[in-house]
Amino acid sequence: MTNNSMEHHVTDLNLSKQLEEEGVPQKSQFYWIDMPDGSWFVADKPFDRDKGHFYSAFLASEIGEMLPAFIYTEEGTYDLMLEIIHVGTEWEANYRWTQDVDNGGFHNLPEVDGDTLYECMAKMLLYLIKHNLINFKKEK
């Protein structure tokens, strides 16, 4: 069963706020917009900042463009892995180092999971930022 409501195709408001707080550029196809009554909705363009708040509501494809394919550390090179687990009901993301085959096969950075692809990818992006593996300059 699919839900065609845009809110089900973009990062939720909580993840969108966290991404903004961590300096992720607020440039996306859709935005969470606050209303005078305190409610939020998804729109396809940001409103005037002086008249209210907005946060980018990222699609999975937009987050995917921000996630590096590789993470380079002193230990080695980690490759991005995205997969469906638990018979298609949950997504998992991790970065896997496969060059160390002689010592156990591979080593992962911590895995993150989510009910949707965009949730899983957003959580991985937050992990990378919080652990100084990537960074974004805050926009003024």
N, C-alpha and C. Protein backbone atom coordinates (compact mmCIF):
# COMPACT_ATOMS: atom_id res chain seq x y z
N MET A 1 0.84 -1.17 0.00
CA MET A 1 0.00 0.00 0.00
C MET A 1 0.89 1.24 0.00
N THR A 2 0.65 2.14 -0.91
CA THR A 2 1.45 3.35 -0.98
C THR A 2 0.61 4.55 -0.53
N ASN A 3 1.31 5.54 -0.01
CA ASN A 3 0.65 6.77 0.41
C ASN A 3 1.19 7.88 -0.46
N ASN A 4 0.31 8.55 -1.18
CA ASN A 4 0.74 9.60 -2.10
C ASN A 4 0.91 10.95 -1.45
N SER A 5 0.60 11.10 -0.17
CA SER A 5 0.80 12.35 0.52
C SER A 5 2.29 12.67 0.57
N MET A 6 2.67 13.89 0.22
CA MET A 6 4.08 14.26 0.15
C MET A 6 4.80 14.05 1.47
N GLU A 7 4.11 14.20 2.60
CA GLU A 7 4.73 14.01 3.91
C GLU A 7 5.32 12.60 4.07
N HIS A 8 4.87 11.65 3.26
CA HIS A 8 5.35 10.27 3.35
C HIS A 8 6.51 9.99 2.38
N HIS A 9 7.00 11.04 1.73
CA HIS A 9 8.10 10.88 0.77
C HIS A 9 9.32 11.73 1.11
N VAL A 10 9.22 12.49 2.19
CA VAL A 10 10.30 13.39 2.58
C VAL A 10 10.67 13.15 4.04
N THR A 11 11.83 13.67 4.45
CA THR A 11 12.22 13.56 5.85
C THR A 11 11.16 14.18 6.74
N ASP A 12 10.90 13.53 7.87
CA ASP A 12 9.90 14.08 8.78
C ASP A 12 10.42 15.38 9.40
N LEU A 13 9.55 16.10 10.07
CA LEU A 13 9.90 17.40 10.62
C LEU A 13 11.05 17.31 11.61
N ASN A 14 11.07 16.29 12.46
CA ASN A 14 12.13 16.14 13.44
C ASN A 14 13.49 15.96 12.78
N LEU A 15 13.59 15.04 11.82
CA LEU A 15 14.85 14.84 11.11
C LEU A 15 15.25 16.09 10.33
N SER A 16 14.28 16.77 9.73
CA SER A 16 14.56 17.99 8.98
C SER A 16 15.15 19.06 9.88
N LYS A 17 14.61 19.20 11.09
CA LYS A 17 15.15 20.17 12.05
C LYS A 17 16.57 19.80 12.46
N GLN A 18 16.82 18.50 12.72
CA GLN A 18 18.16 18.06 13.12
C GLN A 18 19.18 18.33 12.02
N LEU A 19 18.80 18.07 10.78
CA LEU A 19 19.71 18.31 9.66
C LEU A 19 20.04 19.80 9.54
N GLU A 20 19.05 20.65 9.73
CA GLU A 20 19.29 22.09 9.68
C GLU A 20 20.21 22.52 10.81
N GLU A 21 19.99 22.00 12.01
CA GLU A 21 20.81 22.33 13.17
C GLU A 21 22.27 21.92 12.97
N GLU A 22 22.51 20.88 12.20
CA GLU A 22 23.87 20.40 11.94
C GLU A 22 24.51 21.09 10.74
N GLY A 23 23.83 22.07 10.18
CA GLY A 23 24.42 22.87 9.11
C GLY A 23 24.18 22.37 7.70
N VAL A 24 23.30 21.39 7.52
CA VAL A 24 23.01 20.91 6.18
C VAL A 24 22.29 22.02 5.41
N PRO A 25 22.78 22.36 4.21
CA PRO A 25 22.16 23.44 3.44
C PRO A 25 20.66 23.22 3.24
N GLN A 26 19.91 24.27 3.42
CA GLN A 26 18.45 24.19 3.32
C GLN A 26 18.00 24.45 1.89
N LYS A 27 18.39 23.54 1.03
CA LYS A 27 18.04 23.61 -0.40
C LYS A 27 17.46 22.27 -0.79
N SER A 28 16.19 22.25 -1.09
CA SER A 28 15.53 21.00 -1.45
C SER A 28 14.32 21.31 -2.33
N GLN A 29 13.73 20.25 -2.85
CA GLN A 29 12.53 20.41 -3.68
C GLN A 29 11.32 20.77 -2.83
N PHE A 30 11.29 20.29 -1.57
CA PHE A 30 10.14 20.51 -0.68
C PHE A 30 10.61 21.04 0.67
N TYR A 31 9.69 21.68 1.38
CA TYR A 31 10.00 22.32 2.67
C TYR A 31 8.87 22.10 3.66
N TRP A 32 9.25 21.94 4.94
CA TRP A 32 8.28 21.98 6.03
C TRP A 32 8.06 23.45 6.36
N ILE A 33 6.81 23.89 6.33
CA ILE A 33 6.46 25.30 6.57
C ILE A 33 5.57 25.36 7.81
N ASP A 34 5.87 26.31 8.72
CA ASP A 34 5.01 26.46 9.90
C ASP A 34 3.87 27.42 9.60
N MET A 35 2.75 27.12 10.19
CA MET A 35 1.53 27.93 10.02
C MET A 35 1.29 28.74 11.29
N PRO A 36 0.54 29.82 11.20
CA PRO A 36 0.26 30.64 12.38
C PRO A 36 -0.39 29.86 13.53
N ASP A 37 -1.12 28.78 13.21
CA ASP A 37 -1.78 28.00 14.26
C ASP A 37 -0.84 26.96 14.90
N GLY A 38 0.44 26.95 14.47
CA GLY A 38 1.41 26.01 15.05
C GLY A 38 1.54 24.71 14.30
N SER A 39 0.73 24.48 13.30
CA SER A 39 0.83 23.25 12.52
C SER A 39 1.91 23.41 11.44
N TRP A 40 2.31 22.29 10.85
CA TRP A 40 3.33 22.28 9.80
C TRP A 40 2.78 21.54 8.59
N PHE A 41 3.20 21.96 7.40
CA PHE A 41 2.82 21.24 6.19
C PHE A 41 3.98 21.29 5.20
N VAL A 42 3.95 20.41 4.22
CA VAL A 42 4.99 20.35 3.20
C VAL A 42 4.54 21.13 1.97
N ALA A 43 5.43 22.02 1.52
CA ALA A 43 5.17 22.83 0.32
C ALA A 43 6.37 22.71 -0.61
N ASP A 44 6.17 23.11 -1.87
CA ASP A 44 7.25 22.97 -2.84
C ASP A 44 8.11 24.22 -2.97
N LYS A 45 7.94 25.20 -2.09
CA LYS A 45 8.83 26.35 -2.08
C LYS A 45 8.81 26.96 -0.68
N PRO A 46 9.95 27.50 -0.25
CA PRO A 46 9.98 28.12 1.08
C PRO A 46 9.28 29.46 1.04
N PHE A 47 8.67 29.81 2.14
CA PHE A 47 8.03 31.11 2.25
C PHE A 47 9.05 32.10 2.78
N ASP A 48 8.69 33.34 2.83
CA ASP A 48 9.56 34.39 3.37
C ASP A 48 9.97 34.06 4.79
N ARG A 49 11.28 34.01 5.06
CA ARG A 49 11.78 33.68 6.40
C ARG A 49 11.23 34.62 7.47
N ASP A 50 10.97 35.86 7.13
CA ASP A 50 10.46 36.82 8.11
C ASP A 50 9.04 36.51 8.55
N LYS A 51 8.34 35.74 7.76
CA LYS A 51 6.93 35.44 8.07
C LYS A 51 6.75 34.08 8.72
N GLY A 52 7.83 33.35 8.94
CA GLY A 52 7.71 32.04 9.55
C GLY A 52 8.97 31.23 9.35
N HIS A 53 8.96 30.05 9.91
CA HIS A 53 10.11 29.16 9.82
C HIS A 53 9.86 28.11 8.75
N PHE A 54 10.96 27.61 8.19
CA PHE A 54 10.86 26.48 7.30
C PHE A 54 12.12 25.64 7.41
N TYR A 55 11.97 24.38 7.08
CA TYR A 55 13.08 23.43 7.07
C TYR A 55 12.98 22.62 5.79
N SER A 56 14.12 22.31 5.20
CA SER A 56 14.10 21.45 4.02
C SER A 56 13.51 20.10 4.37
N ALA A 57 12.61 19.62 3.54
CA ALA A 57 12.02 18.30 3.65
C ALA A 57 12.63 17.48 2.52
N PHE A 58 13.71 16.77 2.83
CA PHE A 58 14.53 16.13 1.80
C PHE A 58 13.92 14.83 1.28
N LEU A 59 14.01 14.66 -0.02
CA LEU A 59 13.73 13.38 -0.66
C LEU A 59 14.95 12.48 -0.50
N ALA A 60 14.78 11.18 -0.61
CA ALA A 60 15.91 10.26 -0.52
C ALA A 60 16.98 10.59 -1.55
N SER A 61 16.57 10.97 -2.75
CA SER A 61 17.55 11.29 -3.80
C SER A 61 18.40 12.50 -3.41
N GLU A 62 17.81 13.46 -2.71
CA GLU A 62 18.57 14.64 -2.29
C GLU A 62 19.58 14.30 -1.19
N ILE A 63 19.19 13.44 -0.27
CA ILE A 63 20.12 13.01 0.77
C ILE A 63 21.22 12.16 0.15
N GLY A 64 20.85 11.32 -0.80
CA GLY A 64 21.84 10.48 -1.47
C GLY A 64 22.93 11.29 -2.14
N GLU A 65 22.60 12.46 -2.65
CA GLU A 65 23.60 13.32 -3.27
C GLU A 65 24.56 13.90 -2.23
N MET A 66 24.14 13.96 -0.96
CA MET A 66 25.00 14.49 0.10
C MET A 66 25.85 13.42 0.76
N LEU A 67 25.40 12.17 0.71
CA LEU A 67 26.16 11.08 1.32
C LEU A 67 27.34 10.72 0.42
N PRO A 68 28.55 10.72 0.98
CA PRO A 68 29.68 10.33 0.15
C PRO A 68 29.64 8.83 -0.14
N ALA A 69 30.10 8.45 -1.32
CA ALA A 69 30.17 7.03 -1.67
C ALA A 69 31.23 6.32 -0.84
N PHE A 70 32.25 7.07 -0.42
CA PHE A 70 33.35 6.50 0.35
C PHE A 70 33.70 7.43 1.51
N ILE A 71 34.13 6.84 2.62
CA ILE A 71 34.68 7.56 3.76
C ILE A 71 36.13 7.11 3.88
N TYR A 72 37.04 8.05 3.88
CA TYR A 72 38.47 7.73 3.97
C TYR A 72 38.95 8.03 5.39
N THR A 73 39.52 7.02 6.06
CA THR A 73 40.07 7.18 7.40
C THR A 73 41.48 6.59 7.41
N GLU A 74 42.18 6.76 8.53
CA GLU A 74 43.51 6.15 8.67
C GLU A 74 43.42 4.63 8.64
N GLU A 75 42.28 4.07 9.07
CA GLU A 75 42.09 2.61 9.06
C GLU A 75 41.93 2.08 7.65
N GLY A 76 41.28 2.84 6.78
CA GLY A 76 41.02 2.37 5.43
C GLY A 76 39.88 3.14 4.79
N THR A 77 39.41 2.60 3.69
CA THR A 77 38.32 3.21 2.93
C THR A 77 37.03 2.45 3.18
N TYR A 78 35.99 3.17 3.55
CA TYR A 78 34.68 2.57 3.81
C TYR A 78 33.74 2.89 2.65
N ASP A 79 33.00 1.87 2.18
CA ASP A 79 32.02 2.02 1.09
C ASP A 79 30.63 2.14 1.67
N LEU A 80 29.80 2.98 1.08
CA LEU A 80 28.41 3.12 1.50
C LEU A 80 27.62 1.88 1.10
N MET A 81 26.86 1.32 2.05
CA MET A 81 26.00 0.17 1.80
C MET A 81 24.58 0.55 2.24
N LEU A 82 23.61 0.39 1.35
CA LEU A 82 22.19 0.59 1.66
C LEU A 82 21.49 -0.71 1.32
N GLU A 83 20.66 -1.21 2.25
CA GLU A 83 19.97 -2.46 1.97
C GLU A 83 18.65 -2.54 2.72
N ILE A 84 17.73 -3.32 2.15
CA ILE A 84 16.46 -3.60 2.81
C ILE A 84 16.67 -4.83 3.68
N ILE A 85 16.21 -4.75 4.93
CA ILE A 85 16.33 -5.89 5.83
C ILE A 85 14.96 -6.25 6.37
N HIS A 86 14.85 -7.36 7.03
CA HIS A 86 13.59 -7.83 7.63
C HIS A 86 12.46 -7.88 6.61
N VAL A 87 12.69 -8.57 5.54
CA VAL A 87 11.69 -8.81 4.49
C VAL A 87 11.07 -7.51 3.98
N GLY A 88 11.92 -6.53 3.75
CA GLY A 88 11.47 -5.30 3.11
C GLY A 88 10.75 -4.31 3.99
N THR A 89 10.80 -4.50 5.31
CA THR A 89 10.07 -3.57 6.18
C THR A 89 10.98 -2.53 6.82
N GLU A 90 12.28 -2.65 6.63
CA GLU A 90 13.20 -1.72 7.26
C GLU A 90 14.43 -1.55 6.39
N TRP A 91 14.98 -0.35 6.39
CA TRP A 91 16.20 -0.05 5.65
C TRP A 91 17.36 0.02 6.61
N GLU A 92 18.55 -0.29 6.11
CA GLU A 92 19.77 -0.21 6.91
C GLU A 92 20.85 0.44 6.07
N ALA A 93 21.64 1.31 6.69
CA ALA A 93 22.78 1.95 6.02
C ALA A 93 24.00 1.78 6.88
N ASN A 94 25.13 1.53 6.24
CA ASN A 94 26.39 1.54 6.94
C ASN A 94 27.50 1.79 5.94
N TYR A 95 28.66 2.05 6.46
CA TYR A 95 29.86 2.16 5.64
C TYR A 95 30.73 0.96 6.00
N ARG A 96 31.12 0.20 5.01
CA ARG A 96 31.82 -1.06 5.22
C ARG A 96 33.23 -0.98 4.61
N TRP A 97 34.19 -1.40 5.40
CA TRP A 97 35.58 -1.48 4.94
C TRP A 97 35.85 -2.92 4.55
N THR A 98 36.10 -3.16 3.28
CA THR A 98 36.27 -4.53 2.80
C THR A 98 37.71 -4.87 2.44
N GLN A 99 38.64 -3.94 2.62
CA GLN A 99 40.03 -4.23 2.24
C GLN A 99 40.73 -5.16 3.22
N ASP A 100 40.19 -5.38 4.40
CA ASP A 100 40.86 -6.15 5.44
C ASP A 100 40.37 -7.60 5.46
N VAL A 101 40.29 -8.23 4.31
CA VAL A 101 39.73 -9.57 4.18
C VAL A 101 40.50 -10.59 5.03
N ASP A 102 41.82 -10.44 5.14
CA ASP A 102 42.63 -11.40 5.90
C ASP A 102 42.36 -11.35 7.40
N ASN A 103 41.79 -10.27 7.88
CA ASN A 103 41.55 -10.11 9.32
C ASN A 103 40.05 -10.06 9.65
N GLY A 104 39.29 -10.95 9.08
CA GLY A 104 37.88 -11.01 9.44
C GLY A 104 36.93 -10.56 8.35
N GLY A 105 37.42 -10.20 7.20
CA GLY A 105 36.54 -9.88 6.08
C GLY A 105 36.22 -8.42 5.91
N PHE A 106 35.56 -7.82 6.88
CA PHE A 106 35.21 -6.41 6.75
C PHE A 106 34.94 -5.83 8.12
N HIS A 107 34.95 -4.52 8.16
CA HIS A 107 34.69 -3.77 9.39
C HIS A 107 33.70 -2.67 9.03
N ASN A 108 32.69 -2.48 9.86
CA ASN A 108 31.67 -1.48 9.59
C ASN A 108 31.78 -0.30 10.54
N LEU A 109 31.41 0.87 10.03
CA LEU A 109 31.05 1.95 10.93
C LEU A 109 29.69 1.55 11.50
N PRO A 110 29.24 2.13 12.60
CA PRO A 110 27.94 1.73 13.15
C PRO A 110 26.82 1.82 12.12
N GLU A 111 25.92 0.84 12.16
CA GLU A 111 24.78 0.81 11.25
C GLU A 111 23.67 1.70 11.78
N VAL A 112 22.90 2.26 10.88
CA VAL A 112 21.68 2.97 11.25
C VAL A 112 20.54 2.35 10.46
N ASP A 113 19.35 2.43 11.01
CA ASP A 113 18.21 1.88 10.29
C ASP A 113 17.03 2.84 10.36
N GLY A 114 16.05 2.57 9.53
CA GLY A 114 14.85 3.38 9.48
C GLY A 114 13.75 2.65 8.75
N ASP A 115 12.54 3.11 8.96
CA ASP A 115 11.38 2.50 8.31
C ASP A 115 11.32 2.83 6.81
N THR A 116 11.99 3.91 6.42
CA THR A 116 11.99 4.33 5.01
C THR A 116 13.43 4.57 4.57
N LEU A 117 13.64 4.60 3.27
CA LEU A 117 14.97 4.87 2.74
C LEU A 117 15.45 6.25 3.14
N TYR A 118 14.59 7.28 3.00
CA TYR A 118 15.03 8.64 3.34
C TYR A 118 15.33 8.79 4.83
N GLU A 119 14.58 8.11 5.70
CA GLU A 119 14.85 8.17 7.14
C GLU A 119 16.21 7.55 7.46
N CYS A 120 16.46 6.40 6.88
CA CYS A 120 17.72 5.70 7.09
C CYS A 120 18.89 6.55 6.60
N MET A 121 18.77 7.12 5.42
CA MET A 121 19.84 7.93 4.85
C MET A 121 20.06 9.20 5.66
N ALA A 122 18.99 9.83 6.12
CA ALA A 122 19.12 11.05 6.93
C ALA A 122 19.83 10.75 8.25
N LYS A 123 19.51 9.62 8.86
CA LYS A 123 20.18 9.23 10.10
C LYS A 123 21.67 8.99 9.86
N MET A 124 22.02 8.38 8.73
CA MET A 124 23.43 8.16 8.42
C MET A 124 24.13 9.49 8.19
N LEU A 125 23.49 10.41 7.50
CA LEU A 125 24.08 11.73 7.28
C LEU A 125 24.34 12.42 8.61
N LEU A 126 23.38 12.35 9.53
CA LEU A 126 23.57 12.93 10.87
C LEU A 126 24.72 12.25 11.61
N TYR A 127 24.82 10.93 11.51
CA TYR A 127 25.93 10.21 12.16
C TYR A 127 27.27 10.72 11.63
N LEU A 128 27.39 10.83 10.32
CA LEU A 128 28.65 11.26 9.72
C LEU A 128 29.03 12.67 10.17
N ILE A 129 28.04 13.56 10.23
CA ILE A 129 28.30 14.93 10.66
C ILE A 129 28.72 14.96 12.12
N LYS A 130 27.97 14.28 12.98
CA LYS A 130 28.25 14.31 14.43
C LYS A 130 29.58 13.66 14.78
N HIS A 131 30.09 12.78 13.92
CA HIS A 131 31.38 12.13 14.17
C HIS A 131 32.50 12.72 13.32
N ASN A 132 32.23 13.92 12.80
CA ASN A 132 33.23 14.68 12.04
C ASN A 132 33.82 13.93 10.85
N LEU A 133 32.99 13.10 10.23
CA LEU A 133 33.42 12.39 9.03
C LEU A 133 33.09 13.18 7.76
N ILE A 134 32.10 14.06 7.87
CA ILE A 134 31.80 15.07 6.84
C ILE A 134 31.31 16.30 7.58
N ASN A 135 31.29 17.44 6.90
CA ASN A 135 30.72 18.63 7.53
C ASN A 135 30.14 19.55 6.46
N PHE A 136 29.28 20.41 6.92
CA PHE A 136 28.66 21.41 6.07
C PHE A 136 28.85 22.76 6.75
N LYS A 137 29.09 23.78 5.97
CA LYS A 137 29.19 25.12 6.54
C LYS A 137 27.77 25.66 6.71
N LYS A 138 27.50 26.22 7.88
CA LYS A 138 26.18 26.79 8.14
C LYS A 138 25.94 27.98 7.22
N GLU A 139 24.73 28.05 6.67
CA GLU A 139 24.35 29.19 5.84
C GLU A 139 23.89 30.31 6.75
N LYS A 140 24.14 31.52 6.35
CA LYS A 140 23.68 32.70 7.11
C LYS A 140 22.39 33.20 6.53
